[in-house]
Protein backbone atom coordinates (compact mmCIF):
# COMPACT_ATOMS: atom_id res chain seq x y z
CA MET A 1 -0.04 -0.03 -0.01
CA SER A 2 1.37 3.48 -0.90
CA THR A 3 0.69 6.56 1.08
CA VAL A 4 -0.12 9.94 -0.49
CA LEU A 5 0.36 13.13 1.51
CA HIS A 6 -1.40 16.16 0.19
CA ILE A 7 -0.05 19.46 1.47
CA ALA A 8 -2.63 22.24 0.92
CA SER A 9 -1.60 25.79 1.02
CA SER A 10 -4.70 27.64 -0.19
CA PRO A 11 -7.13 29.13 2.33
CA ARG A 12 -10.05 28.93 -0.11
CA ARG A 13 -12.56 26.04 0.38
CA GLN A 14 -14.48 26.87 -2.69
CA ARG A 15 -13.21 27.75 -6.17
CA SER A 16 -9.56 26.99 -5.42
CA ALA A 17 -8.11 25.84 -8.58
CA SER A 18 -5.02 24.34 -6.90
CA LEU A 19 -7.08 22.31 -4.45
CA GLU A 20 -9.55 21.27 -7.17
CA ILE A 21 -6.76 19.80 -9.43
CA ALA A 22 -4.90 18.25 -6.53
CA GLN A 23 -8.09 16.55 -5.38
CA ALA A 24 -8.76 15.42 -8.94
CA PHE A 25 -5.31 13.86 -9.13
CA ILE A 26 -6.04 12.03 -5.79
CA SER A 27 -9.31 10.78 -7.10
CA HIS A 28 -7.81 9.55 -10.24
CA TYR A 29 -5.00 7.86 -8.42
CA CYS A 30 -7.14 6.12 -5.95
CA GLN A 31 -9.47 4.90 -8.66
CA ARG A 32 -6.45 3.12 -10.28
CA TYR A 33 -4.73 2.13 -7.05
CA PRO A 34 -7.42 1.61 -4.30
CA ALA A 35 -4.94 0.44 -1.62
CA THR A 36 -3.69 3.98 -1.28
CA GLU A 37 -3.73 5.68 1.98
CA VAL A 38 -4.35 9.50 1.62
CA LYS A 39 -3.35 12.07 4.32
CA THR A 40 -3.90 15.75 4.20
CA LEU A 41 -2.00 18.57 5.82
CA ASP A 42 -4.07 21.65 5.58
CA LEU A 43 -1.64 24.42 6.42
CA TRP A 44 -4.43 26.95 7.15
CA ARG A 45 -5.93 24.64 9.72
CA MET A 46 -2.71 23.72 11.51
CA ASP A 47 -1.17 25.47 14.49
CA LEU A 48 2.36 25.68 12.88
CA PRO A 49 4.89 26.44 15.60
CA GLU A 50 7.15 29.58 15.49
CA PHE A 51 10.75 29.20 14.61
CA ASP A 52 11.54 30.88 17.94
CA GLU A 53 14.60 31.36 20.16
CA ASP A 54 14.53 27.72 21.31
CA ALA A 55 14.36 26.35 17.87
CA MET A 56 17.15 28.56 16.67
CA ALA A 57 19.36 27.67 19.60
CA ALA A 58 18.59 23.93 18.93
CA LYS A 59 19.63 24.42 15.27
CA TYR A 60 22.95 25.92 16.12
CA ALA A 61 23.47 23.48 18.99
CA GLY A 62 23.13 20.61 16.56
CA LEU A 63 25.52 22.30 14.14
CA SER A 64 28.18 22.42 16.81
CA ASP A 65 27.28 19.08 18.55
CA THR A 66 26.30 20.91 21.68
CA PRO A 67 23.84 19.05 23.91
CA LEU A 68 20.24 20.53 23.80
CA THR A 69 18.44 21.94 26.75
CA GLU A 70 14.94 20.56 27.60
CA THR A 71 13.19 23.49 25.85
CA GLN A 72 15.51 23.27 22.86
CA LYS A 73 14.87 19.49 22.59
CA SER A 74 11.15 20.03 22.77
CA ALA A 75 11.21 22.67 19.97
CA TRP A 76 13.39 20.27 17.81
CA ASP A 77 11.27 17.29 18.46
CA GLY A 78 8.30 19.32 17.27
CA LEU A 79 10.09 20.00 13.95
CA ARG A 80 11.03 16.39 13.57
CA SER A 81 7.40 15.38 14.09
CA LEU A 82 6.21 17.78 11.41
CA ALA A 83 8.74 16.55 8.92
CA ASP A 84 7.86 12.87 9.69
CA HIS A 85 4.74 13.41 7.54
CA LEU A 86 7.01 13.88 4.58
CA HIS A 87 9.28 10.97 5.38
CA GLU A 88 6.42 8.54 5.85
CA ALA A 89 4.68 9.26 2.58
CA ASP A 90 5.47 7.77 -0.81
CA ILE A 91 3.90 10.43 -2.98
CA LEU A 92 3.79 14.09 -2.06
CA ILE A 93 1.08 16.31 -3.49
CA PHE A 94 1.36 20.04 -3.10
CA SER A 95 -1.46 22.47 -4.14
CA ILE A 96 0.02 25.96 -4.44
CA PRO A 97 -1.66 29.24 -5.45
CA LEU A 98 0.58 32.06 -6.85
CA TRP A 99 0.73 34.93 -4.26
CA ASN A 100 2.68 38.01 -5.19
CA PHE A 101 4.62 36.05 -7.77
CA GLY A 102 5.67 33.45 -5.09
CA ILE A 103 4.18 30.91 -2.75
CA PRO A 104 1.70 31.56 0.27
CA TYR A 105 3.41 32.51 3.51
CA LYS A 106 1.84 29.57 5.22
CA LEU A 107 3.81 27.24 2.88
CA LYS A 108 6.99 29.23 3.41
CA HIS A 109 6.48 28.90 7.07
CA PHE A 110 6.16 25.15 6.81
CA ILE A 111 9.35 24.90 4.63
CA ASP A 112 11.24 27.12 7.07
CA LEU A 113 10.31 24.80 9.87
CA VAL A 114 11.12 21.44 8.45
CA SER A 115 14.19 22.39 6.30
CA GLN A 116 16.70 21.65 8.81
CA LYS A 117 20.04 19.64 9.02
CA ASP A 118 19.47 15.99 9.87
CA ILE A 119 15.62 16.48 9.38
CA LEU A 120 15.35 17.09 5.70
CA PHE A 121 19.02 17.45 4.54
CA SER A 122 22.45 16.37 5.59
CA PHE A 123 25.75 18.19 5.42
CA ASP A 124 29.26 16.94 5.28
CA ALA A 125 32.28 19.22 5.06
CA GLU A 126 33.74 17.17 2.19
CA GLU A 127 30.59 16.01 0.39
CA GLY A 128 28.33 19.16 0.96
CA PHE A 129 24.54 18.98 1.27
CA GLY A 130 22.48 15.90 0.60
CA GLY A 131 18.64 15.69 0.60
CA LEU A 132 17.04 13.21 2.90
CA LEU A 133 13.66 12.72 1.10
CA ASN A 134 14.97 10.13 -1.24
CA ASN A 135 12.98 7.77 -3.37
CA LYS A 136 9.87 10.05 -3.14
CA LYS A 137 7.55 11.22 -5.97
CA ALA A 138 6.04 14.68 -5.95
CA VAL A 139 3.12 16.07 -7.85
CA VAL A 140 2.73 19.94 -7.66
CA VAL A 141 -0.34 21.83 -8.75
CA TYR A 142 0.38 25.45 -9.37
CA ALA A 143 -2.60 27.88 -9.75
CA ARG A 144 -2.19 31.42 -11.30
CA GLY A 145 -4.71 34.05 -12.02
CA LEU A 146 -2.87 35.25 -15.23
CA ASP A 147 -0.83 33.69 -17.97
CA TYR A 148 2.86 33.28 -17.03
CA THR A 149 3.91 31.16 -20.02
CA ALA A 150 6.77 32.39 -22.24
CA GLY A 151 5.42 34.84 -24.81
CA SER A 152 2.41 36.03 -22.80
CA PHE A 153 1.88 39.68 -21.92
CA THR A 154 3.03 38.84 -18.28
CA PRO A 155 6.80 38.95 -17.95
CA ALA A 156 7.03 35.35 -16.86
CA GLN A 157 10.67 34.92 -16.56
CA GLU A 158 11.01 37.96 -14.21
CA PHE A 159 7.80 37.39 -12.20
CA ASP A 160 7.50 33.69 -11.71
CA PHE A 161 9.13 32.93 -8.30
CA GLN A 162 6.45 30.24 -7.47
CA LYS A 163 7.53 27.15 -9.56
CA PRO A 164 11.34 27.80 -9.68
CA TYR A 165 11.69 28.30 -6.00
CA PHE A 166 9.49 25.37 -5.02
CA GLU A 167 11.06 22.89 -7.23
CA SER A 168 14.52 24.09 -6.28
CA TRP A 169 13.55 23.36 -2.70
CA LEU A 170 12.18 19.93 -3.54
CA LYS A 171 15.52 19.09 -5.23
CA PHE A 172 17.46 20.35 -2.27
CA VAL A 173 15.66 17.96 0.10
CA GLY A 174 16.07 15.07 -2.20
CA VAL A 175 12.99 14.88 -4.30
CA THR A 176 13.97 14.79 -7.89
CA ASP A 177 10.99 12.84 -9.48
CA VAL A 178 8.57 15.77 -9.90
CA SER A 179 5.50 16.20 -12.00
CA SER A 180 3.74 19.44 -12.26
CA VAL A 181 0.40 20.72 -13.41
CA VAL A 182 -0.08 24.50 -14.02
CA VAL A 183 -3.65 25.98 -13.99
CA GLU A 184 -3.43 29.50 -15.39
CA LYS A 185 -5.89 32.40 -16.32
CA THR A 186 -8.18 31.69 -13.48
CA LEU A 187 -9.05 35.34 -13.39
CA PHE A 188 -9.95 35.58 -17.10
CA GLY A 189 -13.60 34.69 -16.78
CA SER A 190 -15.82 31.55 -16.60
CA ASP A 191 -15.22 30.09 -20.04
CA ILE A 192 -11.32 30.57 -19.96
CA ASP A 193 -11.17 29.42 -16.38
CA THR A 194 -13.29 26.43 -16.95
CA GLU A 195 -11.30 25.30 -19.99
CA SER A 196 -8.03 25.74 -18.08
CA ARG A 197 -9.31 23.52 -15.16
CA ARG A 198 -10.50 20.94 -17.59
CA ARG A 199 -7.07 20.81 -19.30
CA ALA A 200 -5.38 20.52 -15.84
CA ASP A 201 -7.69 17.74 -14.83
CA ARG A 202 -6.70 15.78 -18.01
CA GLU A 203 -3.05 16.27 -17.12
CA ALA A 204 -3.63 15.21 -13.55
CA GLN A 205 -5.44 12.05 -14.84
CA GLN A 206 -2.38 11.22 -17.09
CA ILE A 207 0.03 11.66 -14.31
CA ALA A 208 -2.01 9.53 -11.90
CA ALA A 209 -1.91 6.66 -14.45
CA GLN A 210 1.86 6.80 -14.63
CA LEU A 211 2.95 6.89 -10.96
CA ALA A 212 2.46 3.58 -9.21
CA PRO A 213 1.49 -0.06 -9.76
CA PRO A 214 -2.16 -1.01 -9.13
CA CYS A 215 -3.36 -2.20 -5.73
CA SER A 216 -6.44 -4.17 -4.58
CA LYS A 217 -7.52 -2.74 -1.27
CA GLN A 218 -9.76 0.21 -0.79
CA HIS A 219 -8.09 3.67 0.01
CA THR A 220 -8.45 5.39 3.25
CA SER A 221 -8.32 9.17 3.82
CA SER A 222 -7.52 11.30 6.92
CA ALA A 223 -6.88 14.92 7.58
CA ILE A 224 -4.26 16.18 9.91
């Protein structure tokens, strides 16, 4: 049985293009592979901890092999627990709307919390950095109100800090098998928006058909 983890970073419950296509992918995937276990991290419904003084002190204590205090250990254990969701999944699904040419601050908060040495990456003075999320597959749904493809009236190469940043982060933590679906023009009106979502749904269905071998059990779903 494979485990799919969906990390949702849109606050919208209705009309969210990123959530709609991510959920479409999950539905297509589970239809093909019913033994799938689905978990969801809704970043807008989670009480994400602050990366505060104790967490920062724990980070630098780890870099210098200094023993942690009780409060530092508690903060660090919280980060490990949050990152465990990523380690335990086989397939990672991210639904990401474009905010100010980048990603929502809730997702950046999550990334800043879990992207720590010996949690999501290793570091060796001779070999450098190494990602710890190996042998994972990721599907990323990007939603954008305008058209950011090359040649559009939007200066895509200058203004798109959403997809390049996020996939650079995935690569840094060890996820190199990445499929993406981009839903654009969601502000252009009902006909254009509907067609964009239909096209993205077809792409999501194609990706779902390619990711894993079929299973025989029914899938389960849970929210965290």
